[in-house]
Amino acid sequence: MSTTSKGFASALQAAPATGHARIAGIGGYRPRRVVPNSELVEAINSSDEWIRERSGIIERRFAGEGESVIDMSVMAAEPALEMAGIKGSDIDAILVATISWPYQTPAAAPLIAERFGTDAMAIDLSAACAGYCHGIALANDMVRGGSAENVLVVGVERLSDFTSRDDRGTAFIFGDGAGAAVISRSETPGIGPTIWGSDGEKWDAISQTDSWIDVREKGLDWPHIGMQGQTVFRWAVWGMAPVAQRALDAAGITADQLDAFVPHQANVRIVEAMAKKLNLPDDVAIARDIAYTGNTSAASVPLAMERMVRHGEIPRGGLALQIGFGAGLSYAAQVVVIP
């Protein structure tokens, strides 16, 4: 066997690199069914006041018939595409962040591509609550690297299917929904460097209660998501504020230059503690979408930003610090220009 190069390496063609990328459009979809705390309290021997004090949640949305992971993704993507000024056929790649698509394979993304009439590259990302911010980072690299011009990033969850109604620690937390963003080429920087990582040692702090092998071999019922609340709270407050600060530093931005802070909507106490540790000025708008949407995992960050944009709470073209963190344990943060 020859071990001598034929000398053609210098002739290899690579995709042309482009300048920058930005979030060109954002959209969201919240299921029709509103579920107030009062509907959940009896099964967990709790109260509306206890849930509000513990989490900040007043109500959440549960998906019903005709609101599958695919359906919700399409409904969220349509306004994002409209804001970006492109059609479904213009999408080059689709990245779907989700942990609640009920098929091991195929992924949800190719089915979403089919809905939009495109043969775009389409894959799912499994990083739970951090998945959307991972998707933004990957889409940014794809556009800047020249492998795509328009990337659709979707964060979508139907967590009501994976929630135990009598688990006092989680029954009131999770909700359903989808958020989507279109990442496109830009003449100026629109997405800062991403600070991301993982802590697999704490994998069991948020996890599916039983593996699919256990479900099969032990004849168990449908598994649900379990969480060690205090462990997660401490990790999020003490561990994620420094990550968010590193994202600011990497982007060359100071807290007083921000217009918005859009953290994963895990718990309003976590949100407020992180904002305090970052010394955010009073004029920085802070996302508190959790009050009416609950914790929607991968959909959390885009849904929160979409609400703020739609309600005119933050200036389009301003700067937002966004961070996702959760099961894995995984995290990702970046500063972005508000679409």
C-alpha atoms as a PDB file:
ATOM      1  CA  MET A   1       0.000   0.000   0.000  1.00  0.00           C
ATOM      2  CA  SER A   2       1.383   3.416  -0.967  1.00  0.00           C
ATOM      3  CA  THR A   3       1.978   5.889   1.852  1.00  0.00           C
ATOM      4  CA  THR A   4       3.086   8.671  -0.467  1.00  0.00           C
ATOM      5  CA  SER A   5       0.717  11.599  -1.102  1.00  0.00           C
ATOM      6  CA  LYS A   6      -0.260  12.184  -4.708  1.00  0.00           C
ATOM      7  CA  GLY A   7       0.244  15.911  -4.094  1.00  0.00           C
ATOM      8  CA  PHE A   8      -3.308  17.063  -4.867  1.00  0.00           C
ATOM      9  CA  ALA A   9      -4.209  18.253  -1.337  1.00  0.00           C
ATOM     10  CA  SER A  10      -3.728  21.892  -2.331  1.00  0.00           C
ATOM     11  CA  ALA A  11      -6.387  21.446  -5.038  1.00  0.00           C
ATOM     12  CA  LEU A  12      -9.129  20.466  -2.542  1.00  0.00           C
ATOM     13  CA  GLN A  13     -12.130  22.791  -2.815  1.00  0.00           C
ATOM     14  CA  ALA A  14     -13.707  24.119   0.402  1.00  0.00           C
ATOM     15  CA  ALA A  15     -16.932  25.999   0.995  1.00  0.00           C
ATOM     16  CA  PRO A  16     -16.296  29.749   0.797  1.00  0.00           C
ATOM     17  CA  ALA A  17     -16.377  31.403   4.218  1.00  0.00           C
ATOM     18  CA  THR A  18     -18.766  34.310   4.691  1.00  0.00           C
ATOM     19  CA  GLY A  19     -18.540  37.283   6.980  1.00  0.00           C
ATOM     20  CA  HIS A  20     -21.162  37.168   9.705  1.00  0.00           C
ATOM     21  CA  ALA A  21     -24.541  35.761  10.708  1.00  0.00           C
ATOM     22  CA  ARG A  22     -27.570  37.074  12.580  1.00  0.00           C
ATOM     23  CA  ILE A  23     -31.005  36.075  13.806  1.00  0.00           C
ATOM     24  CA  ALA A  24     -33.112  37.328  10.907  1.00  0.00           C
ATOM     25  CA  GLY A  25     -36.475  36.223  12.275  1.00  0.00           C
ATOM     26  CA  ILE A  26     -38.069  34.723  15.355  1.00  0.00           C
ATOM     27  CA  GLY A  27     -41.417  33.086  16.004  1.00  0.00           C
ATOM     28  CA  GLY A  28     -43.274  31.152  18.658  1.00  0.00           C
ATOM     29  CA  TYR A  29     -46.259  28.899  19.178  1.00  0.00           C
ATOM     30  CA  ARG A  30     -48.092  28.240  22.432  1.00  0.00           C
ATOM     31  CA  PRO A  31     -50.700  25.446  22.548  1.00  0.00           C
ATOM     32  CA  ARG A  32     -54.351  26.397  22.857  1.00  0.00           C
ATOM     33  CA  ARG A  33     -55.010  24.746  26.212  1.00  0.00           C
ATOM     34  CA  VAL A  34     -54.213  26.942  29.218  1.00  0.00           C
ATOM     35  CA  VAL A  35     -53.562  24.985  32.432  1.00  0.00           C
ATOM     36  CA  PRO A  36     -53.717  27.076  35.634  1.00  0.00           C
ATOM     37  CA  ASN A  37     -52.083  25.946  38.855  1.00  0.00           C
ATOM     38  CA  SER A  38     -55.504  25.163  40.298  1.00  0.00           C
ATOM     39  CA  GLU A  39     -55.832  22.253  37.872  1.00  0.00           C
ATOM     40  CA  LEU A  40     -52.703  20.555  39.244  1.00  0.00           C
ATOM     41  CA  VAL A  41     -52.648  21.233  42.982  1.00  0.00           C
ATOM     42  CA  GLU A  42     -54.930  18.474  44.237  1.00  0.00           C
ATOM     43  CA  ALA A  43     -52.791  15.621  42.893  1.00  0.00           C
ATOM     44  CA  ILE A  44     -49.673  16.974  44.624  1.00  0.00           C
ATOM     45  CA  ASN A  45     -51.368  18.252  47.795  1.00  0.00           C
ATOM     46  CA  SER A  46     -50.278  21.799  47.076  1.00  0.00           C
ATOM     47  CA  SER A  47     -51.711  25.262  46.399  1.00  0.00           C
ATOM     48  CA  ASP A  48     -51.588  28.007  43.806  1.00  0.00           C
ATOM     49  CA  GLU A  49     -49.726  30.229  46.271  1.00  0.00           C
ATOM     50  CA  TRP A  50     -47.072  27.558  46.961  1.00  0.00           C
ATOM     51  CA  ILE A  51     -46.404  27.034  43.246  1.00  0.00           C
ATOM     52  CA  ARG A  52     -46.169  30.752  42.531  1.00  0.00           C
ATOM     53  CA  GLU A  53     -43.805  31.338  45.436  1.00  0.00           C
ATOM     54  CA  ARG A  54     -41.624  28.340  44.574  1.00  0.00           C
ATOM     55  CA  SER A  55     -41.414  28.806  40.785  1.00  0.00           C
ATOM     56  CA  GLY A  56     -43.142  31.989  39.659  1.00  0.00           C
ATOM     57  CA  ILE A  57     -45.493  29.952  37.475  1.00  0.00           C
ATOM     58  CA  ILE A  58     -49.128  31.052  37.213  1.00  0.00           C
ATOM     59  CA  GLU A  59     -50.138  28.870  34.272  1.00  0.00           C
ATOM     60  CA  ARG A  60     -48.681  26.825  31.445  1.00  0.00           C
ATOM     61  CA  ARG A  61     -49.848  25.402  28.106  1.00  0.00           C
ATOM     62  CA  PHE A  62     -50.481  21.738  27.331  1.00  0.00           C
ATOM     63  CA  ALA A  63     -50.664  20.482  23.766  1.00  0.00           C
ATOM     64  CA  GLY A  64     -53.725  18.635  22.611  1.00  0.00           C
ATOM     65  CA  GLU A  65     -54.915  16.863  19.505  1.00  0.00           C
ATOM     66  CA  GLY A  66     -53.392  18.358  16.379  1.00  0.00           C
ATOM     67  CA  GLU A  67     -50.503  19.925  18.321  1.00  0.00           C
ATOM     68  CA  SER A  68     -47.680  17.446  17.861  1.00  0.00           C
ATOM     69  CA  VAL A  69     -43.988  18.304  18.045  1.00  0.00           C
ATOM     70  CA  ILE A  70     -44.031  18.651  14.257  1.00  0.00           C
ATOM     71  CA  ASP A  71     -47.204  20.761  14.182  1.00  0.00           C
ATOM     72  CA  MET A  72     -45.933  23.146  16.858  1.00  0.00           C
ATOM     73  CA  SER A  73     -42.551  23.477  15.150  1.00  0.00           C
ATOM     74  CA  VAL A  74     -44.160  24.478  11.862  1.00  0.00           C
ATOM     75  CA  MET A  75     -46.463  26.972  13.591  1.00  0.00           C
ATOM     76  CA  ALA A  76     -43.473  28.596  15.314  1.00  0.00           C
ATOM     77  CA  ALA A  77     -41.305  28.567  12.192  1.00  0.00           C
ATOM     78  CA  GLU A  78     -43.829  30.269   9.902  1.00  0.00           C
ATOM     79  CA  PRO A  79     -43.685  33.708  11.572  1.00  0.00           C
ATOM     80  CA  ALA A  80     -39.900  33.404  11.896  1.00  0.00           C
ATOM     81  CA  LEU A  81     -39.612  32.828   8.154  1.00  0.00           C
ATOM     82  CA  GLU A  82     -41.967  35.721   7.479  1.00  0.00           C
ATOM     83  CA  MET A  83     -39.914  38.083   9.653  1.00  0.00           C
ATOM     84  CA  ALA A  84     -36.742  36.916   7.891  1.00  0.00           C
ATOM     85  CA  GLY A  85     -38.348  37.519   4.495  1.00  0.00           C
ATOM     86  CA  ILE A  86     -37.737  34.017   3.167  1.00  0.00           C
ATOM     87  CA  LYS A  87     -39.817  30.993   2.132  1.00  0.00           C
ATOM     88  CA  GLY A  88     -39.563  27.418   3.316  1.00  0.00           C
ATOM     89  CA  SER A  89     -37.807  26.500   0.084  1.00  0.00           C
ATOM     90  CA  ASP A  90     -35.007  28.931   0.999  1.00  0.00           C
ATOM     91  CA  ILE A  91     -34.041  26.920   4.111  1.00  0.00           C
ATOM     92  CA  ASP A  92     -30.706  25.135   3.691  1.00  0.00           C
ATOM     93  CA  ALA A  93     -30.613  23.389   7.072  1.00  0.00           C
ATOM     94  CA  ILE A  94     -32.959  22.656   9.974  1.00  0.00           C
ATOM     95  CA  LEU A  95     -31.758  22.061  13.534  1.00  0.00           C
ATOM     96  CA  VAL A  96     -34.430  20.924  15.978  1.00  0.00           C
ATOM     97  CA  ALA A  97     -33.679  20.993  19.697  1.00  0.00           C
ATOM     98  CA  THR A  98     -36.029  18.659  21.556  1.00  0.00           C
ATOM     99  CA  ILE A  99     -36.154  15.845  24.099  1.00  0.00           C
ATOM    100  CA  SER A 100     -39.837  15.014  23.665  1.00  0.00           C
ATOM    101  CA  TRP A 101     -40.094  13.817  20.062  1.00  0.00           C
ATOM    102  CA  PRO A 102     -41.470  10.323  20.793  1.00  0.00           C
ATOM    103  CA  TYR A 103     -39.447   8.456  18.163  1.00  0.00           C
ATOM    104  CA  GLN A 104     -35.892   7.254  18.633  1.00  0.00           C
ATOM    105  CA  THR A 105     -35.689   7.532  14.862  1.00  0.00           C
ATOM    106  CA  PRO A 106     -36.330   9.201  12.493  1.00  0.00           C
ATOM    107  CA  ALA A 107     -35.589  12.649  13.846  1.00  0.00           C
ATOM    108  CA  ALA A 108     -38.276  15.317  13.883  1.00  0.00           C
ATOM    109  CA  ALA A 109     -36.276  17.693  11.681  1.00  0.00           C
ATOM    110  CA  PRO A 110     -36.682  15.842   8.339  1.00  0.00           C
ATOM    111  CA  LEU A 111     -40.456  15.753   8.850  1.00  0.00           C
ATOM    112  CA  ILE A 112     -40.452  19.499   9.422  1.00  0.00           C
ATOM    113  CA  ALA A 113     -38.381  19.931   6.266  1.00  0.00           C
ATOM    114  CA  GLU A 114     -40.982  17.915   4.367  1.00  0.00           C
ATOM    115  CA  ARG A 115     -43.732  20.243   5.636  1.00  0.00           C
ATOM    116  CA  PHE A 116     -41.876  23.191   4.128  1.00  0.00           C
ATOM    117  CA  GLY A 117     -41.187  21.438   0.844  1.00  0.00           C
ATOM    118  CA  THR A 118     -37.423  21.445   1.188  1.00  0.00           C
ATOM    119  CA  ASP A 119     -34.777  18.740   1.098  1.00  0.00           C
ATOM    120  CA  ALA A 120     -32.607  20.718   3.531  1.00  0.00           C
ATOM    121  CA  MET A 121     -30.119  19.040   5.838  1.00  0.00           C
ATOM    122  CA  ALA A 122     -32.208  18.253   8.902  1.00  0.00           C
ATOM    123  CA  ILE A 123     -31.143  16.851  12.278  1.00  0.00           C
ATOM    124  CA  ASP A 124     -32.287  16.863  15.910  1.00  0.00           C
ATOM    125  CA  LEU A 125     -30.199  18.082  18.849  1.00  0.00           C
ATOM    126  CA  SER A 126     -30.556  16.537  22.303  1.00  0.00           C
ATOM    127  CA  ALA A 127     -29.298  19.038  24.846  1.00  0.00           C
ATOM    128  CA  ALA A 128     -32.568  19.602  26.721  1.00  0.00           C
ATOM    129  CA  CYS A 129     -32.988  23.162  28.022  1.00  0.00           C
ATOM    130  CA  ALA A 130     -29.691  24.249  26.438  1.00  0.00           C
ATOM    131  CA  GLY A 131     -30.535  22.804  23.028  1.00  0.00           C
ATOM    132  CA  TYR A 132     -31.780  25.980  21.360  1.00  0.00           C
ATOM    133  CA  CYS A 133     -28.674  27.984  22.284  1.00  0.00           C
ATOM    134  CA  HIS A 134     -26.548  25.098  20.995  1.00  0.00           C
ATOM    135  CA  GLY A 135     -28.543  25.283  17.767  1.00  0.00           C
ATOM    136  CA  ILE A 136     -27.924  29.023  17.453  1.00  0.00           C
ATOM    137  CA  ALA A 137     -24.180  28.437  17.840  1.00  0.00           C
ATOM    138  CA  LEU A 138     -24.108  25.666  15.252  1.00  0.00           C
ATOM    139  CA  ALA A 139     -26.250  27.631  12.798  1.00  0.00           C
ATOM    140  CA  ASN A 140     -23.975  30.641  13.205  1.00  0.00           C
ATOM    141  CA  ASP A 141     -20.943  28.503  12.391  1.00  0.00           C
ATOM    142  CA  MET A 142     -22.708  26.933   9.396  1.00  0.00           C
ATOM    143  CA  VAL A 143     -23.625  30.276   7.869  1.00  0.00           C
ATOM    144  CA  ARG A 144     -20.236  31.835   8.561  1.00  0.00           C
ATOM    145  CA  GLY A 145     -18.479  28.715   7.316  1.00  0.00           C
ATOM    146  CA  GLY A 146     -20.379  28.788   4.037  1.00  0.00           C
ATOM    147  CA  SER A 147     -22.273  25.497   4.324  1.00  0.00           C
ATOM    148  CA  ALA A 148     -25.663  27.244   4.543  1.00  0.00           C
ATOM    149  CA  GLU A 149     -27.239  30.614   3.837  1.00  0.00           C
ATOM    150  CA  ASN A 150     -30.395  30.206   5.919  1.00  0.00           C
ATOM    151  CA  VAL A 151     -30.690  27.857   8.894  1.00  0.00           C
ATOM    152  CA  LEU A 152     -33.934  27.247  10.750  1.00  0.00           C
ATOM    153  CA  VAL A 153     -33.368  26.563  14.466  1.00  0.00           C
ATOM    154  CA  VAL A 154     -36.360  25.190  16.383  1.00  0.00           C
ATOM    155  CA  GLY A 155     -36.725  24.576  20.107  1.00  0.00           C
ATOM    156  CA  VAL A 156     -39.827  22.473  20.708  1.00  0.00           C
ATOM    157  CA  GLU A 157     -41.219  20.358  23.515  1.00  0.00           C
ATOM    158  CA  ARG A 158     -44.357  18.433  24.359  1.00  0.00           C
ATOM    159  CA  LEU A 159     -43.304  17.762  27.933  1.00  0.00           C
ATOM    160  CA  SER A 160     -46.839  17.109  29.152  1.00  0.00           C
ATOM    161  CA  ASP A 161     -46.308  13.598  27.749  1.00  0.00           C
ATOM    162  CA  PHE A 162     -43.288  13.121  30.039  1.00  0.00           C
ATOM    163  CA  THR A 163     -44.619  14.753  33.219  1.00  0.00           C
ATOM    164  CA  SER A 164     -45.877  12.812  36.229  1.00  0.00           C
ATOM    165  CA  ARG A 165     -49.023  14.528  37.502  1.00  0.00           C
ATOM    166  CA  ASP A 166     -48.383  13.353  41.078  1.00  0.00           C
ATOM    167  CA  ASP A 167     -44.672  14.201  41.337  1.00  0.00           C
ATOM    168  CA  ARG A 168     -44.651  17.126  43.770  1.00  0.00           C
ATOM    169  CA  GLY A 169     -41.264  18.290  42.504  1.00  0.00           C
ATOM    170  CA  THR A 170     -42.073  18.491  38.783  1.00  0.00           C
ATOM    171  CA  ALA A 171     -45.832  18.219  38.133  1.00  0.00           C
ATOM    172  CA  PHE A 172     -46.305  22.003  38.040  1.00  0.00           C
ATOM    173  CA  ILE A 173     -43.095  22.958  36.243  1.00  0.00           C
ATOM    174  CA  PHE A 174     -43.246  21.776  32.666  1.00  0.00           C
ATOM    175  CA  GLY A 175     -45.247  23.057  29.715  1.00  0.00           C
ATOM    176  CA  ASP A 176     -45.473  22.634  25.959  1.00  0.00           C
ATOM    177  CA  GLY A 177     -44.602  24.951  23.102  1.00  0.00           C
ATOM    178  CA  ALA A 178     -42.225  25.808  20.284  1.00  0.00           C
ATOM    179  CA  GLY A 179     -39.938  28.683  19.391  1.00  0.00           C
ATOM    180  CA  ALA A 180     -38.013  29.160  16.159  1.00  0.00           C
ATOM    181  CA  ALA A 181     -35.336  31.406  14.714  1.00  0.00           C
ATOM    182  CA  VAL A 182     -33.905  31.878  11.227  1.00  0.00           C
ATOM    183  CA  ILE A 183     -30.142  32.418  11.089  1.00  0.00           C
ATOM    184  CA  SER A 184     -28.983  34.181   7.922  1.00  0.00           C
ATOM    185  CA  ARG A 185     -25.978  35.979   6.506  1.00  0.00           C
ATOM    186  CA  SER A 186     -25.207  39.432   7.820  1.00  0.00           C
ATOM    187  CA  GLU A 187     -22.826  42.240   6.906  1.00  0.00           C
ATOM    188  CA  THR A 188     -22.150  42.916  10.590  1.00  0.00           C
ATOM    189  CA  PRO A 189     -21.773  40.564  13.614  1.00  0.00           C
ATOM    190  CA  GLY A 190     -25.149  39.419  14.915  1.00  0.00           C
ATOM    191  CA  ILE A 191     -24.197  36.468  17.129  1.00  0.00           C
ATOM    192  CA  GLY A 192     -21.340  36.610  19.602  1.00  0.00           C
ATOM    193  CA  PRO A 193     -19.038  33.745  20.587  1.00  0.00           C
ATOM    194  CA  THR A 194     -20.800  30.907  22.387  1.00  0.00           C
ATOM    195  CA  ILE A 195     -19.644  29.737  25.798  1.00  0.00           C
ATOM    196  CA  TRP A 196     -20.779  26.156  26.196  1.00  0.00           C
ATOM    197  CA  GLY A 197     -19.957  22.986  28.036  1.00  0.00           C
ATOM    198  CA  SER A 198     -21.261  20.150  30.163  1.00  0.00           C
ATOM    199  CA  ASP A 199     -21.005  18.501  33.573  1.00  0.00           C
ATOM    200  CA  GLY A 200     -21.798  14.827  33.040  1.00  0.00           C
ATOM    201  CA  GLU A 201     -20.980  13.996  36.652  1.00  0.00           C
ATOM    202  CA  LYS A 202     -24.345  15.523  37.572  1.00  0.00           C
ATOM    203  CA  TRP A 203     -26.248  13.678  34.844  1.00  0.00           C
ATOM    204  CA  ASP A 204     -28.876  12.346  37.256  1.00  0.00           C
ATOM    205  CA  ALA A 205     -29.867  15.800  38.554  1.00  0.00           C
ATOM    206  CA  ILE A 206     -32.371  16.034  35.679  1.00  0.00           C
ATOM    207  CA  SER A 207     -33.139  12.816  33.856  1.00  0.00           C
ATOM    208  CA  GLN A 208     -35.739  10.468  32.482  1.00  0.00           C
ATOM    209  CA  THR A 209     -36.811   8.303  35.415  1.00  0.00           C
ATOM    210  CA  ASP A 210     -36.428   5.015  33.539  1.00  0.00           C
ATOM    211  CA  SER A 211     -34.461   4.055  30.440  1.00  0.00           C
ATOM    212  CA  TRP A 212     -36.304   2.580  27.465  1.00  0.00           C
ATOM    213  CA  ILE A 213     -34.580  -0.719  28.313  1.00  0.00           C
ATOM    214  CA  ASP A 214     -36.122  -0.602  31.790  1.00  0.00           C
ATOM    215  CA  VAL A 215     -39.526   0.218  30.311  1.00  0.00           C
ATOM    216  CA  ARG A 216     -39.303  -2.824  28.023  1.00  0.00           C
ATOM    217  CA  GLU A 217     -37.803  -5.342  30.419  1.00  0.00           C
ATOM    218  CA  LYS A 218     -39.759  -4.351  33.533  1.00  0.00           C
ATOM    219  CA  GLY A 219     -43.061  -3.597  31.844  1.00  0.00           C
ATOM    220  CA  LEU A 220     -43.096  -0.069  33.237  1.00  0.00           C
ATOM    221  CA  ASP A 221     -45.507   2.715  32.358  1.00  0.00           C
ATOM    222  CA  TRP A 222     -44.464   5.708  30.251  1.00  0.00           C
ATOM    223  CA  PRO A 223     -41.392   7.339  31.877  1.00  0.00           C
ATOM    224  CA  HIS A 224     -41.334  10.923  33.043  1.00  0.00           C
ATOM    225  CA  ILE A 225     -38.720  13.573  33.745  1.00  0.00           C
ATOM    226  CA  GLY A 226     -37.355  13.624  37.297  1.00  0.00           C
ATOM    227  CA  MET A 227     -35.358  16.404  38.902  1.00  0.00           C
ATOM    228  CA  GLN A 228     -33.296  17.016  42.033  1.00  0.00           C
ATOM    229  CA  GLY A 229     -34.560  20.529  42.634  1.00  0.00           C
ATOM    230  CA  GLN A 230     -32.006  21.834  45.140  1.00  0.00           C
ATOM    231  CA  THR A 231     -29.049  20.436  43.181  1.00  0.00           C
ATOM    232  CA  VAL A 232     -30.270  22.071  39.994  1.00  0.00           C
ATOM    233  CA  PHE A 233     -31.031  25.351  41.735  1.00  0.00           C
ATOM    234  CA  ARG A 234     -27.552  25.630  43.235  1.00  0.00           C
ATOM    235  CA  TRP A 235     -25.860  24.626  39.971  1.00  0.00           C
ATOM    236  CA  ALA A 236     -27.899  27.118  37.943  1.00  0.00           C
ATOM    237  CA  VAL A 237     -27.413  30.060  40.285  1.00  0.00           C
ATOM    238  CA  TRP A 238     -23.763  29.568  41.215  1.00  0.00           C
ATOM    239  CA  GLY A 239     -22.535  27.904  38.031  1.00  0.00           C
ATOM    240  CA  MET A 240     -24.409  29.633  35.221  1.00  0.00           C
ATOM    241  CA  ALA A 241     -23.968  33.296  36.159  1.00  0.00           C
ATOM    242  CA  PRO A 242     -20.190  32.985  35.530  1.00  0.00           C
ATOM    243  CA  VAL A 243     -20.923  31.321  32.172  1.00  0.00           C
ATOM    244  CA  ALA A 244     -23.206  34.210  31.241  1.00  0.00           C
ATOM    245  CA  GLN A 245     -20.483  36.668  32.255  1.00  0.00           C
ATOM    246  CA  ARG A 246     -17.965  34.825  30.089  1.00  0.00           C
ATOM    247  CA  ALA A 247     -20.351  35.169  27.134  1.00  0.00           C
ATOM    248  CA  LEU A 248     -20.498  38.922  27.732  1.00  0.00           C
ATOM    249  CA  ASP A 249     -16.711  39.124  27.946  1.00  0.00           C
ATOM    250  CA  ALA A 250     -16.226  37.042  24.785  1.00  0.00           C
ATOM    251  CA  ALA A 251     -18.589  39.360  22.909  1.00  0.00           C
ATOM    252  CA  GLY A 252     -16.776  42.446  24.195  1.00  0.00           C
ATOM    253  CA  ILE A 253     -19.990  43.643  25.825  1.00  0.00           C
ATOM    254  CA  THR A 254     -20.628  44.978  29.320  1.00  0.00           C
ATOM    255  CA  ALA A 255     -23.859  44.510  31.245  1.00  0.00           C
ATOM    256  CA  ASP A 256     -24.836  48.171  30.821  1.00  0.00           C
ATOM    257  CA  GLN A 257     -24.763  47.747  27.026  1.00  0.00           C
ATOM    258  CA  LEU A 258     -27.454  45.054  27.106  1.00  0.00           C
ATOM    259  CA  ASP A 259     -31.078  45.694  26.277  1.00  0.00           C
ATOM    260  CA  ALA A 260     -32.331  42.284  27.405  1.00  0.00           C
ATOM    261  CA  PHE A 261     -31.442  39.207  29.431  1.00  0.00           C
ATOM    262  CA  VAL A 262     -33.144  36.043  28.179  1.00  0.00           C
ATOM    263  CA  PRO A 263     -32.197  33.062  30.352  1.00  0.00           C
ATOM    264  CA  HIS A 264     -33.783  29.627  30.239  1.00  0.00           C
ATOM    265  CA  GLN A 265     -37.131  29.870  32.010  1.00  0.00           C
ATOM    266  CA  ALA A 266     -36.483  27.245  34.671  1.00  0.00           C
ATOM    267  CA  ASN A 267     -37.609  29.097  37.767  1.00  0.00           C
ATOM    268  CA  VAL A 268     -38.202  32.790  38.409  1.00  0.00           C
ATOM    269  CA  ARG A 269     -35.982  32.649  41.506  1.00  0.00           C
ATOM    270  CA  ILE A 270     -33.103  31.357  39.379  1.00  0.00           C
ATOM    271  CA  VAL A 271     -33.705  34.100  36.810  1.00  0.00           C
ATOM    272  CA  GLU A 272     -33.655  36.822  39.449  1.00  0.00           C
ATOM    273  CA  ALA A 273     -30.606  35.402  41.244  1.00  0.00           C
ATOM    274  CA  MET A 274     -28.635  35.252  37.978  1.00  0.00           C
ATOM    275  CA  ALA A 275     -29.602  38.821  37.091  1.00  0.00           C
ATOM    276  CA  LYS A 276     -28.413  39.972  40.516  1.00  0.00           C
ATOM    277  CA  LYS A 277     -25.078  38.159  40.204  1.00  0.00           C
ATOM    278  CA  LEU A 278     -24.531  39.747  36.782  1.00  0.00           C
ATOM    279  CA  ASN A 279     -25.227  43.204  38.260  1.00  0.00           C
ATOM    280  CA  LEU A 280     -27.665  43.985  35.483  1.00  0.00           C
ATOM    281  CA  PRO A 281     -28.817  47.618  35.406  1.00  0.00           C
ATOM    282  CA  ASP A 282     -32.492  48.317  36.091  1.00  0.00           C
ATOM    283  CA  ASP A 283     -33.130  49.285  32.467  1.00  0.00           C
ATOM    284  CA  VAL A 284     -32.189  45.814  31.140  1.00  0.00           C
ATOM    285  CA  ALA A 285     -35.408  43.932  30.342  1.00  0.00           C
ATOM    286  CA  ILE A 286     -35.444  40.468  31.923  1.00  0.00           C
ATOM    287  CA  ALA A 287     -37.496  37.635  30.431  1.00  0.00           C
ATOM    288  CA  ARG A 288     -40.063  36.168  32.818  1.00  0.00           C
ATOM    289  CA  ASP A 289     -42.090  34.180  30.323  1.00  0.00           C
ATOM    290  CA  ILE A 290     -42.178  31.276  32.780  1.00  0.00           C
ATOM    291  CA  ALA A 291     -45.129  32.891  34.577  1.00  0.00           C
ATOM    292  CA  TYR A 292     -47.508  32.086  31.719  1.00  0.00           C
ATOM    293  CA  THR A 293     -45.664  29.392  29.754  1.00  0.00           C
ATOM    294  CA  GLY A 294     -43.934  27.266  32.392  1.00  0.00           C
ATOM    295  CA  ASN A 295     -40.631  25.525  31.763  1.00  0.00           C
ATOM    296  CA  THR A 296     -40.650  24.439  28.112  1.00  0.00           C
ATOM    297  CA  SER A 297     -37.044  23.177  28.067  1.00  0.00           C
ATOM    298  CA  ALA A 298     -35.598  23.683  24.550  1.00  0.00           C
ATOM    299  CA  ALA A 299     -38.450  26.030  23.585  1.00  0.00           C
ATOM    300  CA  SER A 300     -37.922  28.265  26.608  1.00  0.00           C
ATOM    301  CA  VAL A 301     -35.397  30.831  25.322  1.00  0.00           C
ATOM    302  CA  PRO A 302     -36.919  31.467  21.866  1.00  0.00           C
ATOM    303  CA  LEU A 303     -40.449  31.657  23.294  1.00  0.00           C
ATOM    304  CA  ALA A 304     -39.293  34.181  25.896  1.00  0.00           C
ATOM    305  CA  MET A 305     -37.543  36.358  23.319  1.00  0.00           C
ATOM    306  CA  GLU A 306     -40.433  36.077  20.875  1.00  0.00           C
ATOM    307  CA  ARG A 307     -42.859  37.379  23.508  1.00  0.00           C
ATOM    308  CA  MET A 308     -40.589  40.325  24.334  1.00  0.00           C
ATOM    309  CA  VAL A 309     -40.168  41.231  20.653  1.00  0.00           C
ATOM    310  CA  ARG A 310     -43.870  40.832  19.889  1.00  0.00           C
ATOM    311  CA  HIS A 311     -44.914  42.988  22.845  1.00  0.00           C
ATOM    312  CA  GLY A 312     -42.328  45.673  22.035  1.00  0.00           C
ATOM    313  CA  GLU A 313     -40.572  45.191  25.389  1.00  0.00           C
ATOM    314  CA  ILE A 314     -37.101  45.185  23.811  1.00  0.00           C
ATOM    315  CA  PRO A 315     -35.689  47.173  20.869  1.00  0.00           C
ATOM    316  CA  ARG A 316     -35.138  45.381  17.592  1.00  0.00           C
ATOM    317  CA  GLY A 317     -31.471  45.734  16.742  1.00  0.00           C
ATOM    318  CA  GLY A 318     -30.506  45.914  20.420  1.00  0.00           C
ATOM    319  CA  LEU A 319     -28.395  43.394  22.313  1.00  0.00           C
ATOM    320  CA  ALA A 320     -29.614  40.397  24.314  1.00  0.00           C
ATOM    321  CA  LEU A 321     -27.702  37.918  26.445  1.00  0.00           C
ATOM    322  CA  GLN A 322     -29.297  34.481  26.204  1.00  0.00           C
ATOM    323  CA  ILE A 323     -28.370  31.322  28.066  1.00  0.00           C
ATOM    324  CA  GLY A 324     -29.783  27.816  28.170  1.00  0.00           C
ATOM    325  CA  PHE A 325     -28.932  25.278  30.865  1.00  0.00           C
ATOM    326  CA  GLY A 326     -30.341  21.983  32.059  1.00  0.00           C
ATOM    327  CA  ALA A 327     -30.209  18.214  31.718  1.00  0.00           C
ATOM    328  CA  GLY A 328     -26.860  16.738  30.852  1.00  0.00           C
ATOM    329  CA  LEU A 329     -25.936  18.856  32.642  1.00  0.00           C
ATOM    330  CA  SER A 330     -25.384  21.079  29.612  1.00  0.00           C
ATOM    331  CA  TYR A 331     -25.216  24.791  28.990  1.00  0.00           C
ATOM    332  CA  ALA A 332     -24.672  27.366  26.229  1.00  0.00           C
ATOM    333  CA  ALA A 333     -24.713  31.166  26.238  1.00  0.00           C
ATOM    334  CA  GLN A 334     -24.197  33.923  23.678  1.00  0.00           C
ATOM    335  CA  VAL A 335     -24.925  37.604  23.070  1.00  0.00           C
ATOM    336  CA  VAL A 336     -27.158  38.200  20.038  1.00  0.00           C
ATOM    337  CA  VAL A 337     -28.614  41.132  18.163  1.00  0.00           C
ATOM    338  CA  ILE A 338     -32.372  41.204  18.724  1.00  0.00           C
ATOM    339  CA  PRO A 339     -34.226  40.490  15.440  1.00  0.00           C
END
